[in-house]
């Protein structure tokens, strides 16, 4: 029991909570009068406009005192109250006020402030009564001794308790006074523990009413973390694009220099043995491959940064496709003994596209078909129209694409057949560039494939007005 008494009397929160209970009555009365008056007058005068101002001032006032009560709950009741509102973007006063009225915490705070009025009345009365009785009982033995020495013949120590010091000074009456004093100590300690418990319970109530819900706070923290991660990812992505663009520009000069020197060494008037000529041919091939890869990376980096320079206008698609197929037919025949055929509807309307980029798209698709079609196969490029668009189809009789690979063939660096892609020199960027360029021109591309029978890539471009 001694430890319990020491724990109650030695805990500073006991005294702070009792102070709060004594303050709750005047504060609660003030809040109740001001809020009820402000709300009633504001609603009554709202039809003439002045009431809206009064209501706005009342709302601002209750938000201010709610934050003040939150601080009191933290410092006097020992409550762990969460923030009153979530961090958000800076708004002008009226939008901020309207947003605040939509928050559940605002209305819970109003209920808390109104409930503090009856709570303050009850706790103030209970605190005064309990502490007064306890102090009166504790003072009984001291009053007895004072009256024995200096006072009249009888002592009033409490309601219904009267001592008579004319009896022997330290007889039964004195022992009764000591017993009453001990009872006062027990009652005082119990009263302080009870009042501290009431303050503790009100502090838990304040935690629920004066702070945002834990779920919303966790959601806000998660959103803030996600936003931070997104900004970090955007910075990293921006740095990556800059690196690719800068590296691509820097690589172009040495690649062009190597190509020029190889071309100079391959002039007919230069004498060299067959082995050296073969090595130069390998260097030339790999240099072209490296140059193509650098160009592809530069196109993708510019597409990511929305910096693709396109001149979109009315284009005769059939002419562009015919020019590309004519140029690449000898290459297809030389590399794989493939037949490259172009067919077109009689009157294909003009389409919206960049002619140079459209040629690059068609060339990439034909090159992809050449790489994946066995010797003696056929590649067919067809140009036709439907009511809203111009369609270009590139079909081959190649090895086809597995169904699980088909949804990913337009992803960057994705190669359905890793070993075959390496043999054919594929980087996994050609189809990704095709999609990026078509998207930039307002077009689209789809793919169909049957394993062992071949694939068909279908480009759709908008008709020119």
Protein backbone atom coordinates (compact mmCIF):
# COMPACT_ATOMS: atom_id res chain seq x y z
CA UNK A 1 0.00 0.00 0.00
CA UNK A 2 2.88 2.32 0.78
CA UNK A 3 4.22 1.78 -2.75
CA UNK A 4 0.84 2.62 -4.23
CA UNK A 5 0.67 5.83 -2.20
CA UNK A 6 4.19 6.77 -3.28
CA UNK A 7 3.34 6.01 -6.88
CA UNK A 8 0.29 8.27 -6.79
CA UNK A 9 1.90 11.10 -4.87
CA UNK A 10 5.24 10.88 -6.71
CA UNK A 11 3.79 10.96 -10.22
CA UNK A 12 3.78 14.47 -11.63
CA UNK A 13 0.98 13.55 -14.05
CA UNK A 14 -1.34 13.16 -11.03
CA UNK A 15 -1.03 16.85 -10.17
CA UNK A 16 -1.10 17.99 -13.82
CA UNK A 17 -4.30 16.04 -14.49
CA UNK A 18 -5.96 17.51 -11.38
CA UNK A 19 -4.99 20.98 -12.61
CA UNK A 20 -6.63 20.18 -15.94
CA UNK A 21 -9.80 18.98 -14.20
CA UNK A 22 -9.98 22.29 -12.34
CA UNK A 23 -9.43 24.20 -15.61
CA UNK A 24 -11.98 22.16 -17.55
CA UNK A 25 -14.95 23.98 -15.96
CA UNK A 26 -14.03 27.59 -16.85
CA UNK A 27 -12.61 26.55 -20.23
CA UNK A 28 -15.57 24.33 -21.10
CA UNK A 29 -18.02 27.05 -20.09
CA UNK A 30 -16.21 29.60 -22.25
CA UNK A 31 -16.09 27.26 -25.25
CA UNK A 32 -19.77 26.34 -24.92
CA UNK A 33 -20.98 29.93 -24.66
CA UNK A 34 -18.83 31.22 -27.53
CA UNK A 35 -19.53 28.32 -29.91
CA UNK A 36 -23.28 28.13 -29.30
CA UNK A 37 -23.59 31.91 -29.55
CA UNK A 38 -21.48 32.12 -32.71
CA UNK A 39 -23.24 29.23 -34.46
CA UNK A 40 -26.75 30.35 -33.58
CA UNK A 41 -26.14 34.01 -34.46
CA UNK A 42 -24.29 33.04 -37.65
CA UNK A 43 -27.07 30.74 -38.84
CA UNK A 44 -29.74 33.32 -37.93
CA UNK A 45 -28.02 36.13 -39.84
CA UNK A 46 -26.77 34.05 -42.77
CA UNK A 47 -29.55 35.33 -45.03
CA UNK A 48 -28.07 38.85 -44.97
CA UNK A 49 -24.45 37.80 -45.47
CA UNK A 50 -23.11 38.96 -42.11
CA UNK A 51 -23.94 35.56 -40.66
CA UNK A 52 -21.53 33.86 -43.04
CA UNK A 53 -18.70 35.98 -41.72
CA UNK A 54 -19.74 35.18 -38.13
CA UNK A 55 -19.89 31.46 -38.98
CA UNK A 56 -16.44 31.63 -40.59
CA UNK A 57 -15.02 33.37 -37.52
CA UNK A 58 -16.70 30.78 -35.29
CA UNK A 59 -15.16 27.94 -37.28
CA UNK A 60 -11.73 29.57 -37.11
CA UNK A 61 -12.24 30.05 -33.37
CA UNK A 62 -13.18 26.46 -32.70
CA UNK A 63 -10.23 25.23 -34.77
CA UNK A 64 -7.93 27.46 -32.73
CA UNK A 65 -9.26 26.32 -29.34
CA UNK A 66 -9.25 22.69 -30.56
CA UNK A 67 -5.54 23.00 -31.23
CA UNK A 68 -5.13 24.70 -27.83
CA UNK A 69 -6.99 21.80 -26.18
CA UNK A 70 -4.77 19.36 -28.04
CA UNK A 71 -1.71 20.99 -26.47
CA UNK A 72 -3.35 20.90 -23.02
CA UNK A 73 -4.15 17.20 -23.48
CA UNK A 74 -0.54 16.50 -24.40
CA UNK A 75 1.10 18.55 -21.63
CA UNK A 76 -1.41 18.17 -18.78
CA UNK A 77 -3.05 14.80 -19.43
CA UNK A 78 -0.07 12.96 -20.93
CA UNK A 79 -2.05 12.07 -24.06
CA UNK A 80 -0.33 11.04 -27.29
CA UNK A 81 -2.53 13.02 -29.65
CA UNK A 82 -1.87 12.63 -33.36
CA UNK A 83 -1.61 15.71 -35.61
CA UNK A 84 -4.81 17.72 -35.86
CA UNK A 85 -4.66 17.81 -39.67
CA UNK A 86 -2.75 16.19 -42.49
CA UNK A 87 -0.06 18.10 -44.35
CA UNK A 88 -1.26 19.30 -47.74
CA UNK A 89 -0.71 21.82 -50.46
CA UNK A 90 -0.86 25.53 -49.70
CA UNK A 91 -4.33 26.90 -50.37
CA UNK A 92 -5.95 30.32 -50.16
CA UNK A 93 -7.96 31.02 -46.97
CA UNK A 94 -11.47 30.22 -48.25
CA UNK A 95 -10.57 26.99 -50.07
CA UNK A 96 -8.54 25.93 -47.04
CA UNK A 97 -11.52 26.64 -44.74
CA UNK A 98 -13.88 24.65 -46.98
CA UNK A 99 -11.44 21.78 -47.11
CA UNK A 100 -11.12 21.85 -43.31
CA UNK A 101 -14.91 21.63 -42.94
CA UNK A 102 -14.79 18.41 -44.93
CA UNK A 103 -12.37 16.80 -42.49
CA UNK A 104 -13.88 14.43 -39.85
CA UNK A 105 -11.43 15.73 -37.24
CA UNK A 106 -12.99 19.22 -37.46
CA UNK A 107 -16.42 17.96 -36.38
CA UNK A 108 -15.02 15.59 -33.78
CA UNK A 109 -13.16 18.56 -32.30
CA UNK A 110 -16.43 20.54 -32.11
CA UNK A 111 -18.11 17.66 -30.27
CA UNK A 112 -15.13 17.48 -27.89
CA UNK A 113 -15.32 21.19 -27.08
CA UNK A 114 -19.07 21.06 -26.43
CA UNK A 115 -18.74 17.94 -24.26
CA UNK A 116 -16.06 19.62 -22.18
CA UNK A 117 -18.76 21.88 -20.65
CA UNK A 118 -20.67 19.12 -18.80
CA UNK A 119 -17.44 17.25 -18.19
CA UNK A 120 -15.92 20.35 -16.60
CA UNK A 121 -18.94 20.88 -14.34
CA UNK A 122 -18.84 17.29 -13.08
CA UNK A 123 -15.08 17.03 -12.63
CA UNK A 124 -14.72 20.49 -11.07
CA UNK A 125 -17.42 19.72 -8.52
CA UNK A 126 -16.02 16.25 -7.82
CA UNK A 127 -12.47 17.58 -7.44
CA UNK A 128 -13.48 20.36 -5.03
CA UNK A 129 -15.66 18.04 -2.91
CA UNK A 130 -13.16 15.19 -2.67
CA UNK A 131 -10.15 17.37 -1.96
CA UNK A 132 -12.08 19.52 0.55
CA UNK A 133 -13.29 16.50 2.54
CA UNK A 134 -9.86 14.88 2.41
CA UNK A 135 -8.12 18.03 3.63
CA UNK A 136 -10.72 18.51 6.39
CA UNK A 137 -10.18 14.97 7.66
CA UNK A 138 -6.41 15.30 7.44
CA UNK A 139 -6.58 18.52 9.46
CA UNK A 140 -8.62 16.88 12.28
CA UNK A 141 -5.72 15.86 14.62
CA UNK A 142 -3.99 19.21 14.13
CA UNK A 143 -7.22 21.05 14.83
CA UNK A 144 -7.75 18.91 17.93
CA UNK A 145 -4.35 19.82 19.32
CA UNK A 146 -4.88 23.50 18.52
CA UNK A 147 -8.20 23.52 20.22
CA UNK A 148 -6.80 21.69 23.28
CA UNK A 149 -4.17 24.30 23.68
CA UNK A 150 -5.91 27.49 22.61
CA UNK A 151 -9.53 26.90 21.70
CA UNK A 152 -13.03 26.55 23.19
CA UNK A 153 -14.48 23.47 24.78
CA UNK A 154 -15.71 21.72 21.60
CA UNK A 155 -14.38 21.28 18.08
CA UNK A 156 -16.32 20.86 14.85
CA UNK A 157 -14.14 18.64 12.58
CA UNK A 158 -16.64 17.84 9.90
CA UNK A 159 -20.31 17.22 9.18
CA UNK A 160 -21.69 15.44 12.21
CA UNK A 161 -18.28 15.11 13.93
CA UNK A 162 -17.73 17.06 17.16
CA UNK A 163 -14.85 16.51 19.62
CA UNK A 164 -14.72 17.60 23.22
CA UNK A 165 -11.19 18.47 24.35
CA UNK A 166 -12.27 18.91 28.00
CA UNK A 167 -11.65 15.20 28.32
CA UNK A 168 -8.05 14.05 28.90
CA UNK A 169 -5.90 15.62 26.14
CA UNK A 170 -4.57 12.37 24.73
CA UNK A 171 -7.40 10.02 25.51
CA UNK A 172 -10.04 8.48 23.27
CA UNK A 173 -10.99 11.77 21.63
CA UNK A 174 -7.43 12.31 20.47
CA UNK A 175 -7.20 8.80 19.08
CA UNK A 176 -10.45 9.40 17.19
CA UNK A 177 -8.99 12.60 15.72
CA UNK A 178 -5.89 10.70 14.64
CA UNK A 179 -8.07 8.01 13.06
CA UNK A 180 -10.03 10.67 11.18
CA UNK A 181 -6.75 12.19 9.97
CA UNK A 182 -5.54 8.79 8.75
CA UNK A 183 -8.86 8.29 6.99
CA UNK A 184 -8.36 11.70 5.39
CA UNK A 185 -4.93 10.64 4.09
CA UNK A 186 -6.38 7.47 2.59
CA UNK A 187 -9.32 9.40 1.16
CA UNK A 188 -6.96 12.06 -0.22
CA UNK A 189 -4.68 9.54 -1.91
CA UNK A 190 -7.69 7.65 -3.27
CA UNK A 191 -9.25 10.89 -4.48
CA UNK A 192 -6.04 11.91 -6.24
CA UNK A 193 -5.79 8.46 -7.86
CA UNK A 194 -9.45 8.66 -8.94
CA UNK A 195 -9.06 12.16 -10.35
CA UNK A 196 -5.85 11.17 -12.12
CA UNK A 197 -7.68 8.20 -13.64
CA UNK A 198 -10.48 10.47 -14.83
CA UNK A 199 -7.89 12.77 -16.40
CA UNK A 200 -6.17 9.80 -18.01
CA UNK A 201 -9.46 8.56 -19.48
CA UNK A 202 -10.26 12.06 -20.81
CA UNK A 203 -6.80 12.13 -22.36
CA UNK A 204 -7.57 8.89 -24.22
CA UNK A 205 -10.81 10.49 -25.38
CA UNK A 206 -8.84 13.51 -26.58
CA UNK A 207 -6.57 11.21 -28.58
CA UNK A 208 -9.60 9.95 -30.50
CA UNK A 209 -11.28 13.33 -30.97
CA UNK A 210 -8.44 15.82 -31.53
CA UNK A 211 -6.22 13.88 -33.94
CA UNK A 212 -6.61 12.40 -37.39
CA UNK A 213 -7.45 8.72 -37.69
CA UNK A 214 -4.42 6.40 -37.64
CA UNK A 215 -5.41 4.89 -40.99
CA UNK A 216 -5.49 8.31 -42.66
CA UNK A 217 -2.18 9.25 -41.06
CA UNK A 218 -0.61 6.00 -42.29
CA UNK A 219 -2.09 6.57 -45.73
CA UNK A 220 -0.70 10.12 -45.82
CA UNK A 221 2.72 8.85 -44.73
CA UNK A 222 2.59 6.15 -47.41
CA UNK A 223 1.58 8.70 -50.04
CA UNK A 224 4.37 11.02 -48.97
CA UNK A 225 6.87 8.17 -49.17
CA UNK A 226 5.52 7.15 -52.56
CA UNK A 227 5.80 10.75 -53.79
CA UNK A 228 9.36 10.92 -52.50
CA UNK A 229 10.24 7.64 -54.22
CA UNK A 230 8.54 8.85 -57.41
CA UNK A 231 10.56 12.07 -57.40
CA UNK A 232 13.72 10.08 -56.77
CA UNK A 233 12.86 7.73 -59.63
CA UNK A 234 12.08 10.66 -61.92
CA UNK A 235 15.44 12.24 -61.11
CA UNK A 236 17.19 8.94 -61.74
CA UNK A 237 15.28 8.45 -64.99
CA UNK A 238 16.11 11.99 -66.09
CA UNK A 239 19.79 11.38 -65.32
CA UNK A 240 19.64 8.10 -67.25
CA UNK A 241 18.12 9.81 -70.30
CA UNK A 242 20.71 12.56 -70.19
CA UNK A 243 23.48 9.97 -69.96
CA UNK A 244 22.10 8.05 -72.95
CA UNK A 245 21.66 11.19 -75.04
CA UNK A 246 25.12 12.53 -74.19
CA UNK A 247 26.80 9.17 -74.65
CA UNK A 248 25.03 8.65 -77.98
CA UNK A 249 26.20 12.04 -79.25
CA UNK A 250 29.73 11.41 -78.06
CA UNK A 251 29.86 7.93 -79.62
CA UNK A 252 28.75 9.14 -83.04
CA UNK A 253 32.04 10.93 -83.75
CA UNK A 254 34.42 7.99 -83.10
CA UNK A 255 32.09 5.59 -84.92
CA UNK A 256 31.99 7.88 -87.94
CA UNK A 257 35.80 8.14 -87.79
CA UNK A 258 36.19 4.35 -87.70
CA UNK A 259 33.79 3.95 -90.63
CA UNK A 260 35.68 6.53 -92.66
CA UNK A 261 39.03 4.87 -92.03
CA UNK A 262 37.67 1.41 -92.87
CA UNK A 263 36.16 2.77 -96.06
CA UNK A 264 39.52 4.34 -96.94
CA UNK A 265 41.34 1.07 -96.34
CA UNK A 266 38.85 -0.82 -98.53
CA UNK A 267 39.50 1.29 -101.64
CA UNK A 268 40.28 -0.91 -104.68
CA UNK A 269 43.68 0.70 -105.28
CA UNK A 270 44.95 -0.45 -101.86
CA UNK A 271 46.66 -3.80 -101.96
CA UNK A 272 45.99 -6.23 -99.08
CA UNK A 273 45.74 -9.95 -98.57
CA UNK A 274 42.40 -11.77 -98.34
CA UNK A 275 42.61 -12.21 -94.58
CA UNK A 276 43.04 -8.48 -93.96
CA UNK A 277 40.19 -7.72 -96.33
CA UNK A 278 38.00 -10.16 -94.38
CA UNK A 279 38.90 -8.50 -91.07
CA UNK A 280 38.04 -5.08 -92.48
CA UNK A 281 34.68 -6.45 -93.59
CA UNK A 282 33.98 -7.63 -90.04
CA UNK A 283 34.97 -4.23 -88.66
CA UNK A 284 32.69 -2.51 -91.15
CA UNK A 285 29.74 -4.75 -90.26
CA UNK A 286 30.19 -4.34 -86.51
CA UNK A 287 30.68 -0.58 -86.87
CA UNK A 288 27.38 -0.30 -88.74
CA UNK A 289 25.73 -2.40 -86.06
CA UNK A 290 27.14 -0.19 -83.30
CA UNK A 291 26.07 2.94 -85.17
CA UNK A 292 22.56 1.55 -85.52
CA UNK A 293 22.41 0.72 -81.82
CA UNK A 294 23.54 4.23 -80.87
CA UNK A 295 20.89 5.73 -83.15
CA UNK A 296 18.24 3.47 -81.58
CA UNK A 297 19.22 4.49 -78.06
CA UNK A 298 19.12 8.15 -79.04
CA UNK A 299 15.61 7.77 -80.51
CA UNK A 300 14.32 6.07 -77.35
CA UNK A 301 15.91 8.66 -75.08
CA UNK A 302 14.33 11.48 -77.06
CA UNK A 303 10.99 9.69 -77.01
CA UNK A 304 11.18 9.40 -73.22
CA UNK A 305 11.91 13.09 -72.95
CA UNK A 306 9.19 14.01 -75.48
CA UNK A 307 11.90 15.49 -77.70
CA UNK A 308 11.36 13.46 -80.87
CA UNK A 309 11.51 15.86 -83.79
CA UNK A 310 8.71 14.83 -86.12
CA UNK A 311 7.26 16.60 -89.12
CA UNK A 312 3.81 15.09 -89.29
CA UNK A 313 1.86 15.88 -92.43
CA UNK A 314 -0.05 14.31 -95.29
CA UNK A 315 2.03 11.42 -96.65
CA UNK A 316 1.56 9.03 -99.57
CA UNK A 317 2.12 5.84 -97.57
CA UNK A 318 2.16 3.58 -100.62
CA UNK A 319 5.07 5.55 -102.14
CA UNK A 320 7.07 5.44 -98.89
CA UNK A 321 6.53 1.68 -98.52
CA UNK A 322 7.39 1.08 -102.18
CA UNK A 323 10.65 2.98 -101.84
CA UNK A 324 11.71 1.05 -98.73
CA UNK A 325 10.83 -2.38 -100.16
CA UNK A 326 12.64 -1.62 -103.41
CA UNK A 327 15.77 -0.64 -101.48
CA UNK A 328 15.69 -3.65 -99.15
CA UNK A 329 14.67 -6.37 -101.62
CA UNK A 330 18.27 -7.01 -102.82
CA UNK A 331 19.47 -7.17 -99.19
CA UNK A 332 16.81 -9.76 -98.29
CA UNK A 333 17.70 -11.82 -101.34
CA UNK A 334 21.44 -11.60 -100.65
CA UNK A 335 21.31 -12.44 -96.94
CA UNK A 336 18.63 -15.16 -96.82
CA UNK A 337 17.44 -15.71 -100.38
CA UNK A 338 14.12 -14.17 -99.33
CA UNK A 339 11.46 -12.72 -101.62
CA UNK A 340 10.28 -9.25 -100.55
CA UNK A 341 6.92 -8.42 -102.15
CA UNK A 342 4.91 -5.20 -101.95
CA UNK A 343 1.23 -4.95 -102.84
CA UNK A 344 -1.03 -1.94 -102.53
CA UNK A 345 -4.68 -1.10 -103.05
CA UNK A 346 -5.33 1.01 -106.19
CA UNK A 347 -6.20 4.22 -104.38
CA UNK A 348 -4.76 4.48 -100.88
CA UNK A 349 -5.58 7.85 -99.28
CA UNK A 350 -2.97 10.10 -97.72
CA UNK A 351 -2.16 9.50 -94.05
CA UNK A 352 -0.78 11.65 -91.22
CA UNK A 353 2.86 10.69 -90.65
CA UNK A 354 6.46 11.83 -90.78
CA UNK A 355 7.80 10.33 -94.05
CA UNK A 356 11.35 9.80 -92.76
CA UNK A 357 10.21 8.21 -89.49
CA UNK A 358 7.61 6.11 -91.31
CA UNK A 359 10.36 4.83 -93.59
CA UNK A 360 12.41 3.96 -90.50
CA UNK A 361 9.44 2.04 -89.06
CA UNK A 362 8.89 0.04 -92.26
CA UNK A 363 12.62 -0.69 -92.56
CA UNK A 364 12.78 -1.92 -88.95
CA UNK A 365 9.85 -4.27 -89.49
CA UNK A 366 11.32 -5.65 -92.72
CA UNK A 367 14.73 -6.09 -91.06
CA UNK A 368 13.03 -7.93 -88.18
CA UNK A 369 11.26 -10.20 -90.67
CA UNK A 370 14.52 -10.90 -92.54
CA UNK A 371 16.24 -11.87 -89.30
CA UNK A 372 13.52 -14.36 -88.32
CA UNK A 373 12.55 -15.93 -91.67
CA UNK A 374 14.36 -19.06 -92.89
CA UNK A 375 16.09 -19.14 -96.26
CA UNK A 376 13.72 -19.18 -99.22
CA UNK A 377 10.85 -17.55 -97.31
CA UNK A 378 8.57 -14.73 -98.40
CA UNK A 379 8.02 -11.31 -96.80
CA UNK A 380 4.90 -9.48 -97.95
CA UNK A 381 4.27 -5.79 -97.33
CA UNK A 382 0.69 -4.71 -97.99
CA UNK A 383 -0.78 -1.20 -98.05
CA UNK A 384 -4.55 -0.79 -97.82
CA UNK A 385 -7.21 1.51 -96.41
CA UNK A 386 -10.28 1.27 -94.23
CA UNK A 387 -12.87 4.00 -93.52
CA UNK A 388 -10.78 5.79 -90.87
CA UNK A 389 -7.15 4.83 -91.39
CA UNK A 390 -4.39 3.56 -93.66
CA UNK A 391 -3.03 0.11 -92.81
CA UNK A 392 0.42 -1.27 -93.59
CA UNK A 393 0.96 -4.98 -92.93
CA UNK A 394 4.35 -6.73 -92.86
CA UNK A 395 3.88 -10.53 -92.97
CA UNK A 396 6.53 -13.22 -93.13
CA UNK A 397 6.74 -17.00 -93.35
CA UNK A 398 9.21 -17.17 -90.49
CA UNK A 399 9.51 -19.16 -87.29
CA UNK A 400 6.68 -17.27 -85.53
CA UNK A 401 6.46 -16.04 -81.95
CA UNK A 402 5.43 -18.07 -78.92
CA UNK A 403 2.08 -16.95 -77.40
CA UNK A 404 3.69 -16.10 -74.05
CA UNK A 405 6.26 -13.88 -75.80
CA UNK A 406 3.80 -12.01 -78.01
CA UNK A 407 2.55 -9.46 -75.38
CA UNK A 408 6.15 -8.38 -74.64
CA UNK A 409 7.74 -8.11 -78.08
CA UNK A 410 7.41 -4.30 -78.06
CA UNK A 411 9.22 -4.00 -74.72
CA UNK A 412 12.71 -2.58 -74.78
CA UNK A 413 15.57 -5.09 -74.90
CA UNK A 414 13.12 -7.99 -74.94
CA UNK A 415 14.14 -10.79 -77.26
CA UNK A 416 11.85 -13.78 -77.64
CA UNK A 417 14.65 -16.10 -78.79
CA UNK A 418 17.84 -15.06 -77.01
CA UNK A 419 20.23 -17.29 -78.94
CA UNK A 420 18.74 -16.44 -82.35
CA UNK A 421 18.65 -12.73 -81.51
CA UNK A 422 22.35 -12.77 -80.76
CA UNK A 423 23.10 -14.62 -83.98
CA UNK A 424 21.11 -12.13 -86.01
CA UNK A 425 22.55 -9.13 -84.20
CA UNK A 426 19.26 -8.09 -82.64
CA UNK A 427 19.43 -5.69 -79.70
CA UNK A 428 15.78 -5.90 -78.66
CA UNK A 429 15.19 -2.22 -79.51
CA UNK A 430 13.83 -2.34 -83.06
CA UNK A 431 10.18 -3.07 -82.24
CA UNK A 432 10.26 -0.76 -79.22
CA UNK A 433 11.39 2.08 -81.51
CA UNK A 434 8.65 1.19 -84.01
CA UNK A 435 5.99 1.57 -81.32
CA UNK A 436 7.47 4.83 -79.97
CA UNK A 437 7.63 6.40 -83.42
CA UNK A 438 4.11 5.34 -84.36
CA UNK A 439 2.74 6.61 -81.05
CA UNK A 440 4.43 9.96 -81.66
CA UNK A 441 2.76 10.10 -85.10
CA UNK A 442 -0.64 9.25 -83.64
CA UNK A 443 -0.62 5.72 -85.02
CA UNK A 444 -0.51 2.22 -83.54
CA UNK A 445 0.83 -1.27 -84.19
CA UNK A 446 -0.40 -4.77 -83.43
CA UNK A 447 1.13 -8.21 -83.95
CA UNK A 448 -0.26 -11.64 -84.76
CA UNK A 449 1.77 -14.82 -84.98
CA UNK A 450 1.51 -18.57 -85.40
CA UNK A 451 4.50 -20.62 -84.33
CA UNK A 452 6.04 -22.31 -87.38
CA UNK A 453 3.93 -20.32 -89.88
CA UNK A 454 5.06 -16.73 -89.48
CA UNK A 455 4.09 -13.35 -88.05
CA UNK A 456 2.13 -10.32 -89.20
CA UNK A 457 2.73 -6.78 -87.92
CA UNK A 458 -0.07 -4.35 -88.72
CA UNK A 459 0.48 -0.56 -88.65
CA UNK A 460 -2.51 1.75 -88.47
CA UNK A 461 -2.15 5.45 -89.39
CA UNK A 462 -4.75 8.22 -89.27
CA UNK A 463 -6.20 9.40 -92.54
CA UNK A 464 -5.20 12.90 -93.57
CA UNK A 465 -8.11 15.39 -93.50
